[in-house]
Amino acid sequence: SPPPPPPPRACAGGGGGGGAPPPRKVPAWKAKQAAREAFMAQSQAATAAAQEAYRSRTNQAAGQTNAAAALPEGCPALAALPFVEYLTPEGALQDVSPPAGSATGASLYAIFDASEALHFVGLSRDIMASLRAHLARTPEETHLLKVTHFGRGVRRDELEAASAAWVHEAGGAVGMDGGAVQRAWEGAIDVGPLMDAEDRAAVAATAEGSKERRLALKVACRKVEAQLKAVLKARNVTEPIRYDPKLKDKGLVDIKRPPPPRPPGRPPTTKPAPAAKKAPPVST
């Protein structure tokens, strides 16, 4: 029988041989773009999962009694109110504040995404400030609104009953899961669960309360803030939104709120200018 063929010889490196080229360094702008795209994809996946859970709850609640019967007197059913666009064509907040001069005690509002899925039902004494905060924290889910206002005599238990009735009528709200998603609607965003591996390692390598820990948290917060701003820019939002820099030390991202207005009739707190000193008399 003929001898077996010799084994193939490996190519020698160098001199134009087939060595693998060194990996190219990814430009900083490409890395940022990839991070933004990853954030958008993660957010869209989470929204799709939440919508699927919402539809499942809606189907389960299909045979239940309509919750409109449990509404407080004078509160309209959720289905009876028209949808209102969250933003104007110019990108500003839609003004849904109570009519000027009305004795409004509180507002009840519902927020929907672009597919008209209910995400959150809230109560507010300052409806426009609340809507601005929701836009800053959850810009991808704030597309449509339904709002009603109550007089000053309304009780807290009546407001809570109206809110619960709206959620029940809709078969549930995607953003009201009692967990991290709902906390992002109701308060500052905790960046801890949103950190990448690099930021988690940087925070873990520092001591609690140290300057290094605060700096590491600031870096992580700036990344989340940049991602939120990218979504706002993509939606052409022109509403003035500024995030509070003092919260970044604590690992939180939230809108910077203006100082409360001074009550009418209260004088300003600025001190009057000191009186000019009289020049000493000139002796003659």
C-alpha atoms as a PDB file:
ATOM      1  CA  SER A   1       0.000   0.000   0.000  1.00  0.00           C
ATOM      2  CA  PRO A   2       1.238   3.552  -0.710  1.00  0.00           C
ATOM      3  CA  PRO A   3       2.670   5.495   2.283  1.00  0.00           C
ATOM      4  CA  PRO A   4       0.317   8.018   3.990  1.00  0.00           C
ATOM      5  CA  PRO A   5       0.591  11.642   2.849  1.00  0.00           C
ATOM      6  CA  PRO A   6       2.763  13.908   5.016  1.00  0.00           C
ATOM      7  CA  PRO A   7       0.906  16.188   7.475  1.00  0.00           C
ATOM      8  CA  PRO A   8       0.352  19.773   6.331  1.00  0.00           C
ATOM      9  CA  ARG A   9       3.030  22.210   7.403  1.00  0.00           C
ATOM     10  CA  ALA A  10       2.077  25.212   9.545  1.00  0.00           C
ATOM     11  CA  CYS A  11       2.681  28.600   8.021  1.00  0.00           C
ATOM     12  CA  ALA A  12       5.602  30.418   9.565  1.00  0.00           C
ATOM     13  CA  GLY A  13       4.882  33.862  11.022  1.00  0.00           C
ATOM     14  CA  GLY A  14       6.574  37.081   9.984  1.00  0.00           C
ATOM     15  CA  GLY A  15       7.814  38.202   6.629  1.00  0.00           C
ATOM     16  CA  GLY A  16       4.311  38.650   5.232  1.00  0.00           C
ATOM     17  CA  GLY A  17       3.169  35.212   6.539  1.00  0.00           C
ATOM     18  CA  GLY A  18      -0.469  34.710   7.669  1.00  0.00           C
ATOM     19  CA  GLY A  19      -0.213  36.133  11.223  1.00  0.00           C
ATOM     20  CA  ALA A  20      -3.424  37.728  12.614  1.00  0.00           C
ATOM     21  CA  PRO A  21      -3.346  41.546  12.571  1.00  0.00           C
ATOM     22  CA  PRO A  22      -3.503  43.304  15.951  1.00  0.00           C
ATOM     23  CA  PRO A  23      -7.040  44.386  16.990  1.00  0.00           C
ATOM     24  CA  ARG A  24      -7.960  47.940  16.124  1.00  0.00           C
ATOM     25  CA  LYS A  25      -8.814  50.380  18.889  1.00  0.00           C
ATOM     26  CA  VAL A  26     -12.488  51.346  18.843  1.00  0.00           C
ATOM     27  CA  PRO A  27     -12.933  55.156  18.623  1.00  0.00           C
ATOM     28  CA  ALA A  28     -14.525  56.828  21.640  1.00  0.00           C
ATOM     29  CA  TRP A  29     -17.530  58.072  19.646  1.00  0.00           C
ATOM     30  CA  LYS A  30     -18.252  54.540  18.413  1.00  0.00           C
ATOM     31  CA  ALA A  31     -18.077  53.198  21.963  1.00  0.00           C
ATOM     32  CA  LYS A  32     -20.542  55.865  23.149  1.00  0.00           C
ATOM     33  CA  GLN A  33     -22.873  55.149  20.237  1.00  0.00           C
ATOM     34  CA  ALA A  34     -22.738  51.423  20.996  1.00  0.00           C
ATOM     35  CA  ALA A  35     -23.538  52.116  24.663  1.00  0.00           C
ATOM     36  CA  ARG A  36     -26.527  54.269  23.675  1.00  0.00           C
ATOM     37  CA  GLU A  37     -27.800  51.604  21.280  1.00  0.00           C
ATOM     38  CA  ALA A  38     -27.394  48.919  23.948  1.00  0.00           C
ATOM     39  CA  PHE A  39     -29.325  51.060  26.430  1.00  0.00           C
ATOM     40  CA  MET A  40     -32.132  51.658  23.921  1.00  0.00           C
ATOM     41  CA  ALA A  41     -32.321  47.945  23.084  1.00  0.00           C
ATOM     42  CA  GLN A  42     -32.381  47.009  26.776  1.00  0.00           C
ATOM     43  CA  SER A  43     -35.107  49.564  27.480  1.00  0.00           C
ATOM     44  CA  GLN A  44     -37.196  48.438  24.513  1.00  0.00           C
ATOM     45  CA  ALA A  45     -36.875  44.792  25.587  1.00  0.00           C
ATOM     46  CA  ALA A  46     -37.965  45.662  29.116  1.00  0.00           C
ATOM     47  CA  THR A  47     -40.923  47.658  27.764  1.00  0.00           C
ATOM     48  CA  ALA A  48     -41.961  44.773  25.508  1.00  0.00           C
ATOM     49  CA  ALA A  49     -41.807  42.344  28.436  1.00  0.00           C
ATOM     50  CA  ALA A  50     -43.820  44.708  30.610  1.00  0.00           C
ATOM     51  CA  GLN A  51     -46.413  45.170  27.871  1.00  0.00           C
ATOM     52  CA  GLU A  52     -46.750  41.402  27.530  1.00  0.00           C
ATOM     53  CA  ALA A  53     -47.316  41.131  31.283  1.00  0.00           C
ATOM     54  CA  TYR A  54     -49.830  43.963  31.035  1.00  0.00           C
ATOM     55  CA  ARG A  55     -51.753  42.205  28.265  1.00  0.00           C
ATOM     56  CA  SER A  56     -51.751  39.002  30.303  1.00  0.00           C
ATOM     57  CA  ARG A  57     -53.231  40.806  33.298  1.00  0.00           C
ATOM     58  CA  THR A  58     -55.773  42.511  31.036  1.00  0.00           C
ATOM     59  CA  ASN A  59     -56.946  39.153  29.692  1.00  0.00           C
ATOM     60  CA  GLN A  60     -57.260  37.772  33.209  1.00  0.00           C
ATOM     61  CA  ALA A  61     -59.321  40.767  34.263  1.00  0.00           C
ATOM     62  CA  ALA A  62     -61.647  40.601  31.240  1.00  0.00           C
ATOM     63  CA  GLY A  63     -64.355  38.794  33.172  1.00  0.00           C
ATOM     64  CA  GLN A  64     -64.192  41.030  36.232  1.00  0.00           C
ATOM     65  CA  THR A  65     -66.762  43.687  37.107  1.00  0.00           C
ATOM     66  CA  ASN A  66     -66.140  47.119  35.654  1.00  0.00           C
ATOM     67  CA  ALA A  67     -64.450  49.273  38.268  1.00  0.00           C
ATOM     68  CA  ALA A  68     -66.315  52.430  37.254  1.00  0.00           C
ATOM     69  CA  ALA A  69     -68.923  51.608  39.910  1.00  0.00           C
ATOM     70  CA  ALA A  70     -66.216  52.093  42.577  1.00  0.00           C
ATOM     71  CA  LEU A  71     -65.282  55.587  41.376  1.00  0.00           C
ATOM     72  CA  PRO A  72     -65.828  58.441  43.834  1.00  0.00           C
ATOM     73  CA  GLU A  73     -68.652  60.802  43.014  1.00  0.00           C
ATOM     74  CA  GLY A  74     -67.698  63.294  40.313  1.00  0.00           C
ATOM     75  CA  CYS A  75     -64.694  61.315  39.023  1.00  0.00           C
ATOM     76  CA  PRO A  76     -65.012  60.240  35.369  1.00  0.00           C
ATOM     77  CA  ALA A  77     -64.148  56.733  34.229  1.00  0.00           C
ATOM     78  CA  LEU A  78     -60.776  56.387  32.539  1.00  0.00           C
ATOM     79  CA  ALA A  79     -62.357  55.326  29.230  1.00  0.00           C
ATOM     80  CA  ALA A  80     -64.553  58.458  29.234  1.00  0.00           C
ATOM     81  CA  LEU A  81     -61.589  60.836  29.049  1.00  0.00           C
ATOM     82  CA  PRO A  82     -59.843  61.720  25.772  1.00  0.00           C
ATOM     83  CA  PHE A  83     -56.173  61.076  25.137  1.00  0.00           C
ATOM     84  CA  VAL A  84     -53.932  64.147  25.265  1.00  0.00           C
ATOM     85  CA  GLU A  85     -50.480  64.273  23.665  1.00  0.00           C
ATOM     86  CA  TYR A  86     -47.750  64.493  26.320  1.00  0.00           C
ATOM     87  CA  LEU A  87     -45.726  66.949  24.223  1.00  0.00           C
ATOM     88  CA  THR A  88     -46.686  69.752  21.905  1.00  0.00           C
ATOM     89  CA  PRO A  89     -45.446  69.685  18.278  1.00  0.00           C
ATOM     90  CA  GLU A  90     -42.709  72.060  19.444  1.00  0.00           C
ATOM     91  CA  GLY A  91     -41.481  69.546  22.047  1.00  0.00           C
ATOM     92  CA  ALA A  92     -42.760  71.296  25.165  1.00  0.00           C
ATOM     93  CA  LEU A  93     -45.022  69.807  27.828  1.00  0.00           C
ATOM     94  CA  GLN A  94     -48.706  69.918  26.967  1.00  0.00           C
ATOM     95  CA  ASP A  95     -50.350  72.346  29.387  1.00  0.00           C
ATOM     96  CA  VAL A  96     -52.968  70.322  31.265  1.00  0.00           C
ATOM     97  CA  SER A  97     -52.935  72.469  34.396  1.00  0.00           C
ATOM     98  CA  PRO A  98     -56.296  73.414  35.987  1.00  0.00           C
ATOM     99  CA  PRO A  99     -58.105  76.448  34.601  1.00  0.00           C
ATOM    100  CA  ALA A 100     -56.823  79.736  35.988  1.00  0.00           C
ATOM    101  CA  GLY A 101     -58.737  80.825  39.065  1.00  0.00           C
ATOM    102  CA  SER A 102     -60.265  77.408  39.719  1.00  0.00           C
ATOM    103  CA  ALA A 103     -60.230  76.035  43.259  1.00  0.00           C
ATOM    104  CA  THR A 104     -58.339  72.852  42.392  1.00  0.00           C
ATOM    105  CA  GLY A 105     -57.033  70.726  45.241  1.00  0.00           C
ATOM    106  CA  ALA A 106     -55.383  67.891  43.298  1.00  0.00           C
ATOM    107  CA  SER A 107     -55.105  66.278  39.875  1.00  0.00           C
ATOM    108  CA  LEU A 108     -55.435  62.627  38.884  1.00  0.00           C
ATOM    109  CA  TYR A 109     -53.515  61.636  35.760  1.00  0.00           C
ATOM    110  CA  ALA A 110     -52.749  58.520  33.731  1.00  0.00           C
ATOM    111  CA  ILE A 111     -49.673  58.132  31.492  1.00  0.00           C
ATOM    112  CA  PHE A 112     -49.601  55.879  28.424  1.00  0.00           C
ATOM    113  CA  ASP A 113     -46.901  54.865  25.963  1.00  0.00           C
ATOM    114  CA  ALA A 114     -47.133  55.285  22.186  1.00  0.00           C
ATOM    115  CA  SER A 115     -49.209  52.079  21.879  1.00  0.00           C
ATOM    116  CA  GLU A 116     -51.771  53.394  24.427  1.00  0.00           C
ATOM    117  CA  ALA A 117     -50.681  50.915  27.111  1.00  0.00           C
ATOM    118  CA  LEU A 118     -51.184  52.343  30.609  1.00  0.00           C
ATOM    119  CA  HIS A 119     -47.920  52.727  32.523  1.00  0.00           C
ATOM    120  CA  PHE A 120     -48.680  54.886  35.546  1.00  0.00           C
ATOM    121  CA  VAL A 121     -51.512  56.574  37.440  1.00  0.00           C
ATOM    122  CA  GLY A 122     -50.549  59.395  39.776  1.00  0.00           C
ATOM    123  CA  LEU A 123     -51.883  62.108  42.064  1.00  0.00           C
ATOM    124  CA  SER A 124     -50.408  65.578  42.208  1.00  0.00           C
ATOM    125  CA  ARG A 125     -50.907  69.013  43.732  1.00  0.00           C
ATOM    126  CA  ASP A 126     -48.714  70.420  40.935  1.00  0.00           C
ATOM    127  CA  ILE A 127     -49.564  68.497  37.767  1.00  0.00           C
ATOM    128  CA  MET A 128     -47.048  70.202  35.462  1.00  0.00           C
ATOM    129  CA  ALA A 129     -44.107  69.637  37.845  1.00  0.00           C
ATOM    130  CA  SER A 130     -45.069  65.953  38.148  1.00  0.00           C
ATOM    131  CA  LEU A 131     -45.303  65.497  34.372  1.00  0.00           C
ATOM    132  CA  ARG A 132     -41.919  67.152  33.886  1.00  0.00           C
ATOM    133  CA  ALA A 133     -40.350  64.795  36.439  1.00  0.00           C
ATOM    134  CA  HIS A 134     -41.871  61.718  34.736  1.00  0.00           C
ATOM    135  CA  LEU A 135     -40.561  62.901  31.366  1.00  0.00           C
ATOM    136  CA  ALA A 136     -37.057  63.292  32.803  1.00  0.00           C
ATOM    137  CA  ARG A 137     -37.060  59.833  34.439  1.00  0.00           C
ATOM    138  CA  THR A 138     -38.941  57.728  31.863  1.00  0.00           C
ATOM    139  CA  PRO A 139     -38.768  59.553  28.513  1.00  0.00           C
ATOM    140  CA  GLU A 140     -39.568  56.482  26.393  1.00  0.00           C
ATOM    141  CA  GLU A 141     -42.935  55.719  28.017  1.00  0.00           C
ATOM    142  CA  THR A 142     -44.394  59.247  28.322  1.00  0.00           C
ATOM    143  CA  HIS A 143     -46.433  59.745  25.138  1.00  0.00           C
ATOM    144  CA  LEU A 144     -50.130  60.132  26.026  1.00  0.00           C
ATOM    145  CA  LEU A 145     -52.140  61.488  28.967  1.00  0.00           C
ATOM    146  CA  LYS A 146     -55.556  61.460  30.575  1.00  0.00           C
ATOM    147  CA  VAL A 147     -56.196  64.033  33.306  1.00  0.00           C
ATOM    148  CA  THR A 148     -58.970  65.127  35.633  1.00  0.00           C
ATOM    149  CA  HIS A 149     -58.979  67.672  38.466  1.00  0.00           C
ATOM    150  CA  PHE A 150     -60.600  67.710  41.906  1.00  0.00           C
ATOM    151  CA  GLY A 151     -61.715  70.606  44.086  1.00  0.00           C
ATOM    152  CA  ARG A 152     -60.006  71.611  47.305  1.00  0.00           C
ATOM    153  CA  GLY A 153     -62.441  69.687  49.477  1.00  0.00           C
ATOM    154  CA  VAL A 154     -61.427  66.269  48.128  1.00  0.00           C
ATOM    155  CA  ARG A 155     -60.130  63.796  50.711  1.00  0.00           C
ATOM    156  CA  ARG A 156     -56.990  61.700  50.360  1.00  0.00           C
ATOM    157  CA  ASP A 157     -58.905  58.428  50.563  1.00  0.00           C
ATOM    158  CA  GLU A 158     -61.176  59.569  47.701  1.00  0.00           C
ATOM    159  CA  LEU A 159     -58.150  60.343  45.535  1.00  0.00           C
ATOM    160  CA  GLU A 160     -56.571  56.961  46.277  1.00  0.00           C
ATOM    161  CA  ALA A 161     -59.876  55.215  45.505  1.00  0.00           C
ATOM    162  CA  ALA A 162     -60.090  57.029  42.154  1.00  0.00           C
ATOM    163  CA  SER A 163     -56.499  56.067  41.295  1.00  0.00           C
ATOM    164  CA  ALA A 164     -57.114  52.413  42.172  1.00  0.00           C
ATOM    165  CA  ALA A 165     -60.341  52.420  40.146  1.00  0.00           C
ATOM    166  CA  TRP A 166     -58.534  53.693  37.045  1.00  0.00           C
ATOM    167  CA  VAL A 167     -55.829  51.036  37.345  1.00  0.00           C
ATOM    168  CA  HIS A 168     -58.464  48.353  37.859  1.00  0.00           C
ATOM    169  CA  GLU A 169     -60.517  49.588  34.923  1.00  0.00           C
ATOM    170  CA  ALA A 170     -57.459  49.332  32.650  1.00  0.00           C
ATOM    171  CA  GLY A 171     -56.607  45.851  33.899  1.00  0.00           C
ATOM    172  CA  GLY A 172     -53.360  47.031  35.501  1.00  0.00           C
ATOM    173  CA  ALA A 173     -50.556  49.484  34.834  1.00  0.00           C
ATOM    174  CA  VAL A 174     -47.220  48.386  33.362  1.00  0.00           C
ATOM    175  CA  GLY A 175     -45.138  50.697  35.536  1.00  0.00           C
ATOM    176  CA  MET A 176     -46.908  49.992  38.838  1.00  0.00           C
ATOM    177  CA  ASP A 177     -45.235  46.705  39.748  1.00  0.00           C
ATOM    178  CA  GLY A 178     -44.427  47.659  43.328  1.00  0.00           C
ATOM    179  CA  GLY A 179     -40.713  47.301  42.554  1.00  0.00           C
ATOM    180  CA  ALA A 180     -37.846  49.050  40.765  1.00  0.00           C
ATOM    181  CA  VAL A 181     -39.959  50.073  37.751  1.00  0.00           C
ATOM    182  CA  GLN A 182     -42.506  51.864  39.927  1.00  0.00           C
ATOM    183  CA  ARG A 183     -39.776  53.528  41.995  1.00  0.00           C
ATOM    184  CA  ALA A 184     -38.361  55.025  38.782  1.00  0.00           C
ATOM    185  CA  TRP A 185     -41.775  56.571  38.102  1.00  0.00           C
ATOM    186  CA  GLU A 186     -42.253  57.900  41.619  1.00  0.00           C
ATOM    187  CA  GLY A 187     -38.768  59.097  42.580  1.00  0.00           C
ATOM    188  CA  ALA A 188     -35.104  59.397  41.735  1.00  0.00           C
ATOM    189  CA  ILE A 189     -33.462  56.695  39.615  1.00  0.00           C
ATOM    190  CA  ASP A 190     -31.071  54.427  41.535  1.00  0.00           C
ATOM    191  CA  VAL A 191     -28.208  53.765  39.118  1.00  0.00           C
ATOM    192  CA  GLY A 192     -27.014  50.688  41.034  1.00  0.00           C
ATOM    193  CA  PRO A 193     -28.988  48.140  38.953  1.00  0.00           C
ATOM    194  CA  LEU A 194     -28.075  50.027  35.748  1.00  0.00           C
ATOM    195  CA  MET A 195     -24.295  50.005  36.191  1.00  0.00           C
ATOM    196  CA  ASP A 196     -22.086  48.131  33.765  1.00  0.00           C
ATOM    197  CA  ALA A 197     -19.365  45.768  35.000  1.00  0.00           C
ATOM    198  CA  GLU A 198     -16.709  48.498  34.909  1.00  0.00           C
ATOM    199  CA  ASP A 199     -18.725  50.876  37.102  1.00  0.00           C
ATOM    200  CA  ARG A 200     -19.717  48.136  39.553  1.00  0.00           C
ATOM    201  CA  ALA A 201     -16.066  47.177  39.968  1.00  0.00           C
ATOM    202  CA  ALA A 202     -15.047  50.826  40.446  1.00  0.00           C
ATOM    203  CA  VAL A 203     -17.672  51.341  43.156  1.00  0.00           C
ATOM    204  CA  ALA A 204     -16.870  48.047  44.882  1.00  0.00           C
ATOM    205  CA  ALA A 205     -13.176  48.988  45.066  1.00  0.00           C
ATOM    206  CA  THR A 206     -13.918  52.094  47.178  1.00  0.00           C
ATOM    207  CA  ALA A 207     -14.833  52.561  50.831  1.00  0.00           C
ATOM    208  CA  GLU A 208     -18.363  53.528  51.857  1.00  0.00           C
ATOM    209  CA  GLY A 209     -18.666  57.309  52.230  1.00  0.00           C
ATOM    210  CA  SER A 210     -15.219  58.004  50.777  1.00  0.00           C
ATOM    211  CA  LYS A 211     -14.394  60.635  48.195  1.00  0.00           C
ATOM    212  CA  GLU A 212     -13.457  57.864  45.774  1.00  0.00           C
ATOM    213  CA  ARG A 213     -16.883  56.208  46.215  1.00  0.00           C
ATOM    214  CA  ARG A 214     -18.668  59.486  45.481  1.00  0.00           C
ATOM    215  CA  LEU A 215     -16.542  60.010  42.366  1.00  0.00           C
ATOM    216  CA  ALA A 216     -17.261  56.479  41.112  1.00  0.00           C
ATOM    217  CA  LEU A 217     -21.001  56.992  41.655  1.00  0.00           C
ATOM    218  CA  LYS A 218     -20.857  60.298  39.789  1.00  0.00           C
ATOM    219  CA  VAL A 219     -19.283  58.586  36.773  1.00  0.00           C
ATOM    220  CA  ALA A 220     -22.049  55.972  36.712  1.00  0.00           C
ATOM    221  CA  CYS A 221     -24.748  58.641  37.119  1.00  0.00           C
ATOM    222  CA  ARG A 222     -23.356  60.693  34.248  1.00  0.00           C
ATOM    223  CA  LYS A 223     -23.648  57.663  31.956  1.00  0.00           C
ATOM    224  CA  VAL A 224     -27.320  57.120  32.861  1.00  0.00           C
ATOM    225  CA  GLU A 225     -28.009  60.849  32.519  1.00  0.00           C
ATOM    226  CA  ALA A 226     -26.400  60.876  29.058  1.00  0.00           C
ATOM    227  CA  GLN A 227     -28.603  57.964  27.982  1.00  0.00           C
ATOM    228  CA  LEU A 228     -31.749  59.744  29.195  1.00  0.00           C
ATOM    229  CA  LYS A 229     -30.720  62.947  27.426  1.00  0.00           C
ATOM    230  CA  ALA A 230     -30.151  60.976  24.208  1.00  0.00           C
ATOM    231  CA  VAL A 231     -33.756  59.715  24.355  1.00  0.00           C
ATOM    232  CA  LEU A 232     -35.059  63.241  25.023  1.00  0.00           C
ATOM    233  CA  LYS A 233     -33.058  64.558  22.085  1.00  0.00           C
ATOM    234  CA  ALA A 234     -34.338  61.789  19.816  1.00  0.00           C
ATOM    235  CA  ARG A 235     -37.894  62.838  20.717  1.00  0.00           C
ATOM    236  CA  ASN A 236     -37.053  66.512  19.989  1.00  0.00           C
ATOM    237  CA  VAL A 237     -37.950  67.547  23.537  1.00  0.00           C
ATOM    238  CA  THR A 238     -37.483  71.282  24.089  1.00  0.00           C
ATOM    239  CA  GLU A 239     -38.901  71.363  27.623  1.00  0.00           C
ATOM    240  CA  PRO A 240     -36.163  72.686  29.937  1.00  0.00           C
ATOM    241  CA  ILE A 241     -34.943  69.710  31.983  1.00  0.00           C
ATOM    242  CA  ARG A 242     -31.906  69.845  34.233  1.00  0.00           C
ATOM    243  CA  TYR A 243     -30.728  66.956  36.365  1.00  0.00           C
ATOM    244  CA  ASP A 244     -29.700  67.622  39.961  1.00  0.00           C
ATOM    245  CA  PRO A 245     -25.882  67.386  40.262  1.00  0.00           C
ATOM    246  CA  LYS A 246     -26.023  67.052  44.070  1.00  0.00           C
ATOM    247  CA  LEU A 247     -27.781  63.680  43.851  1.00  0.00           C
ATOM    248  CA  LYS A 248     -24.994  62.029  41.859  1.00  0.00           C
ATOM    249  CA  ASP A 249     -22.861  61.627  45.019  1.00  0.00           C
ATOM    250  CA  LYS A 250     -25.569  59.279  46.286  1.00  0.00           C
ATOM    251  CA  GLY A 251     -25.875  57.277  43.055  1.00  0.00           C
ATOM    252  CA  LEU A 252     -29.200  58.889  42.120  1.00  0.00           C
ATOM    253  CA  VAL A 253     -30.419  60.652  38.981  1.00  0.00           C
ATOM    254  CA  ASP A 254     -33.423  62.962  39.111  1.00  0.00           C
ATOM    255  CA  ILE A 255     -34.655  66.296  37.839  1.00  0.00           C
ATOM    256  CA  LYS A 256     -33.532  69.448  39.622  1.00  0.00           C
ATOM    257  CA  ARG A 257     -36.629  71.032  41.099  1.00  0.00           C
ATOM    258  CA  PRO A 258     -37.003  74.817  41.339  1.00  0.00           C
ATOM    259  CA  PRO A 259     -37.289  76.347  44.822  1.00  0.00           C
ATOM    260  CA  PRO A 260     -40.862  76.593  46.152  1.00  0.00           C
ATOM    261  CA  PRO A 261     -42.607  79.886  45.351  1.00  0.00           C
ATOM    262  CA  ARG A 262     -42.745  82.494  48.110  1.00  0.00           C
ATOM    263  CA  PRO A 263     -46.230  82.845  49.644  1.00  0.00           C
ATOM    264  CA  PRO A 264     -48.073  85.977  48.515  1.00  0.00           C
ATOM    265  CA  GLY A 265     -47.608  88.969  50.767  1.00  0.00           C
ATOM    266  CA  ARG A 266     -44.334  87.773  52.255  1.00  0.00           C
ATOM    267  CA  PRO A 267     -41.543  90.340  51.804  1.00  0.00           C
ATOM    268  CA  PRO A 268     -38.343  89.294  50.033  1.00  0.00           C
ATOM    269  CA  THR A 269     -35.606  87.822  52.199  1.00  0.00           C
ATOM    270  CA  THR A 270     -32.777  89.864  50.695  1.00  0.00           C
ATOM    271  CA  LYS A 271     -31.156  92.210  53.167  1.00  0.00           C
ATOM    272  CA  PRO A 272     -31.320  95.951  52.446  1.00  0.00           C
ATOM    273  CA  ALA A 273     -28.139  97.642  51.363  1.00  0.00           C
ATOM    274  CA  PRO A 274     -26.222  99.192  54.273  1.00  0.00           C
ATOM    275  CA  ALA A 275     -26.519 102.929  54.645  1.00  0.00           C
ATOM    276  CA  ALA A 276     -23.593 104.944  53.362  1.00  0.00           C
ATOM    277  CA  LYS A 277     -21.247 106.164  56.078  1.00  0.00           C
ATOM    278  CA  LYS A 278     -21.132 109.874  56.624  1.00  0.00           C
ATOM    279  CA  ALA A 279     -17.829 111.532  55.944  1.00  0.00           C
ATOM    280  CA  PRO A 280     -16.181 113.022  59.055  1.00  0.00           C
ATOM    281  CA  PRO A 281     -16.458 116.806  59.348  1.00  0.00           C
ATOM    282  CA  VAL A 282     -13.550 118.779  57.960  1.00  0.00           C
ATOM    283  CA  SER A 283     -11.932 121.013  60.553  1.00  0.00           C
ATOM    284  CA  THR A 284     -11.174 124.547  59.499  1.00  0.00           C
END
